[in-house]
Amino acid sequence: MTIEVRNFNELGTQELYDILQLRSEVFVVEQNCVYQDLDGKDTLAVHILGIKNGKLVAYTRIFTPEVLYKEASIGRVIVRKKERKFGYGKEIMEASIKVILDSYGNVPIRISAQTYLLKFYNSLGFVQQGKEYLEDGIPHILMIKK
């Protein structure tokens, strides 16, 4: 998998379509979650794309500190279902963390993690903050990496 980093205005029409299709495929259909994915924040984000054989297989979006939260943040973390056995989740997260550190320095990073992925995010240095909560009907935990 190769990693590509794009600001919103650098995304081509096909890339944007592929991102939105993958997010819908996993978050809406697979996880059976009806929510407003097109939240008006994509234009403010840096988009991290994981490409394999010309196809989008992994994705995150990141935000600079003070855009959504006081911390930098990573969201919409996703790996295509048939590609999850290859470690691309860890790879796309490590790439996202590196982009934040290279771009903004050693700043705290905030995520809203689905609870079942707690150990995965712990392995990347994220620590739980507070109690579990529901976000769009799915249990989540606020986590910070310092």
Protein backbone atom coordinates (compact mmCIF):
# COMPACT_ATOMS: atom_id res chain seq x y z
CA MET A 1 0.00 0.00 0.00
CA THR A 2 1.27 3.47 -0.81
CA ILE A 3 0.24 6.55 1.16
CA GLU A 4 -0.88 9.76 -0.51
CA VAL A 5 -1.58 13.01 1.33
CA ARG A 6 -3.98 15.58 -0.09
CA ASN A 7 -5.60 18.81 0.97
CA PHE A 8 -9.25 18.98 -0.07
CA ASN A 9 -8.57 21.22 -3.07
CA GLU A 10 -5.93 18.74 -4.29
CA LEU A 11 -8.37 15.82 -4.46
CA GLY A 12 -9.45 14.82 -7.94
CA THR A 13 -13.10 14.08 -8.64
CA GLN A 14 -12.44 10.32 -8.81
CA GLU A 15 -10.43 10.38 -5.56
CA LEU A 16 -13.23 12.23 -3.74
CA TYR A 17 -15.80 9.80 -5.14
CA ASP A 18 -13.68 6.81 -4.02
CA ILE A 19 -13.32 8.28 -0.50
CA LEU A 20 -17.04 8.92 -0.12
CA GLN A 21 -17.91 5.51 -1.56
CA LEU A 22 -15.57 3.70 0.86
CA ARG A 23 -16.86 5.67 3.85
CA SER A 24 -20.46 4.86 2.87
CA GLU A 25 -19.62 1.20 2.24
CA VAL A 26 -18.15 0.71 5.70
CA PHE A 27 -19.74 3.26 8.04
CA VAL A 28 -23.27 3.29 6.62
CA VAL A 29 -23.80 -0.14 5.04
CA GLU A 30 -21.43 -2.51 6.91
CA GLN A 31 -21.90 -0.90 10.32
CA ASN A 32 -25.59 -0.21 9.65
CA CYS A 33 -25.23 3.36 10.88
CA VAL A 34 -27.37 6.12 9.47
CA TYR A 35 -25.51 9.37 10.02
CA GLN A 36 -24.51 12.54 8.17
CA ASP A 37 -21.11 11.58 6.73
CA LEU A 38 -20.94 14.72 4.58
CA ASP A 39 -20.56 16.98 7.60
CA GLY A 40 -18.98 20.05 5.98
CA LYS A 41 -15.59 19.27 7.54
CA ASP A 42 -13.87 17.56 4.61
CA THR A 43 -12.87 20.94 3.16
CA LEU A 44 -10.94 21.67 6.39
CA ALA A 45 -9.18 18.30 6.53
CA VAL A 46 -5.99 16.79 5.22
CA HIS A 47 -6.87 13.48 3.57
CA ILE A 48 -4.63 10.43 3.95
CA LEU A 49 -5.22 7.83 1.25
CA GLY A 50 -3.94 4.26 1.26
CA ILE A 51 -3.71 3.03 -2.32
CA LYS A 52 -3.13 -0.58 -3.41
CA ASN A 53 -3.05 -1.54 -7.09
CA GLY A 54 -4.66 1.78 -8.01
CA LYS A 55 -7.59 1.35 -5.60
CA LEU A 56 -8.38 3.13 -2.34
CA VAL A 57 -8.15 0.54 0.46
CA ALA A 58 -7.56 2.70 3.55
CA TYR A 59 -8.28 6.29 4.53
CA THR A 60 -8.25 8.84 7.34
CA ARG A 61 -8.81 12.55 7.56
CA ILE A 62 -6.79 14.74 9.91
CA PHE A 63 -7.31 18.21 11.32
CA THR A 64 -4.82 20.73 12.59
CA PRO A 65 -4.98 21.77 16.24
CA GLU A 66 -7.72 24.31 16.98
CA VAL A 67 -9.84 23.37 13.95
CA LEU A 68 -12.19 20.88 15.61
CA TYR A 69 -10.54 20.55 19.03
CA LYS A 70 -7.59 22.10 20.84
CA GLU A 71 -5.64 18.98 19.83
CA ALA A 72 -4.90 17.78 16.33
CA SER A 73 -7.30 14.99 15.41
CA ILE A 74 -7.68 11.93 13.23
CA GLY A 75 -11.07 10.68 12.10
CA ARG A 76 -12.94 8.58 9.56
CA VAL A 77 -10.34 5.83 10.02
CA ILE A 78 -11.26 3.13 7.57
CA VAL A 79 -9.93 0.04 5.81
CA ARG A 80 -11.86 -1.82 3.12
CA LYS A 81 -13.23 -5.04 4.64
CA LYS A 82 -11.37 -7.50 2.38
CA GLU A 83 -8.09 -5.66 3.04
CA ARG A 84 -8.16 -5.68 6.87
CA LYS A 85 -5.97 -8.76 7.28
CA PHE A 86 -2.88 -7.00 5.90
CA GLY A 87 -2.24 -4.49 8.71
CA TYR A 88 -3.34 -1.47 6.68
CA GLY A 89 -5.20 -0.01 9.67
CA LYS A 90 -1.95 0.32 11.57
CA GLU A 91 -0.13 1.57 8.49
CA ILE A 92 -2.68 4.31 7.70
CA MET A 93 -2.77 5.40 11.35
CA GLU A 94 1.04 5.54 11.59
CA ALA A 95 1.12 7.60 8.38
CA SER A 96 -1.55 9.94 9.76
CA ILE A 97 0.35 10.41 13.03
CA LYS A 98 3.54 11.11 11.06
CA VAL A 99 1.80 13.77 8.92
CA ILE A 100 0.59 15.49 12.09
CA LEU A 101 4.01 15.36 13.77
CA ASP A 102 5.83 16.52 10.62
CA SER A 103 3.34 19.32 9.94
CA TYR A 104 2.46 20.62 13.42
CA GLY A 105 5.20 19.34 15.73
CA ASN A 106 4.81 17.19 18.81
CA VAL A 107 1.18 18.07 19.56
CA PRO A 108 -1.44 15.94 21.29
CA ILE A 109 -3.68 13.96 18.92
CA ARG A 110 -7.34 13.27 19.67
CA ILE A 111 -9.51 10.47 18.29
CA SER A 112 -13.03 9.27 18.94
CA ALA A 113 -12.42 5.51 18.84
CA GLN A 114 -15.01 2.81 18.43
CA THR A 115 -14.80 0.93 21.72
CA TYR A 116 -14.06 -2.47 20.18
CA LEU A 117 -10.80 -0.98 18.77
CA LEU A 118 -9.47 0.17 22.16
CA LYS A 119 -6.51 -2.26 22.19
CA PHE A 120 -5.60 -1.36 18.60
CA TYR A 121 -5.42 2.35 19.43
CA ASN A 122 -3.59 1.64 22.71
CA SER A 123 -0.92 -0.12 20.64
CA LEU A 124 -0.42 3.16 18.75
CA GLY A 125 0.06 5.15 21.97
CA PHE A 126 -3.48 6.47 22.47
CA VAL A 127 -4.85 6.54 26.03
CA GLN A 128 -8.52 6.49 27.01
CA GLN A 129 -9.94 9.73 28.38
CA GLY A 130 -13.24 9.52 30.26
CA LYS A 131 -16.08 7.07 29.86
CA GLU A 132 -17.63 5.31 26.90
CA TYR A 133 -20.33 7.25 25.02
CA LEU A 134 -22.59 6.68 22.05
CA GLU A 135 -21.78 8.42 18.79
CA ASP A 136 -24.28 7.76 16.01
CA GLY A 137 -25.53 4.76 18.02
CA ILE A 138 -22.07 3.11 18.24
CA PRO A 139 -20.05 2.90 21.51
CA HIS A 140 -16.98 5.18 21.39
CA ILE A 141 -14.18 6.31 23.69
CA LEU A 142 -12.29 9.61 23.57
CA MET A 143 -8.56 8.87 23.30
CA ILE A 144 -5.48 11.11 23.32
CA LYS A 145 -1.92 10.49 22.18
CA LYS A 146 0.60 12.89 23.74
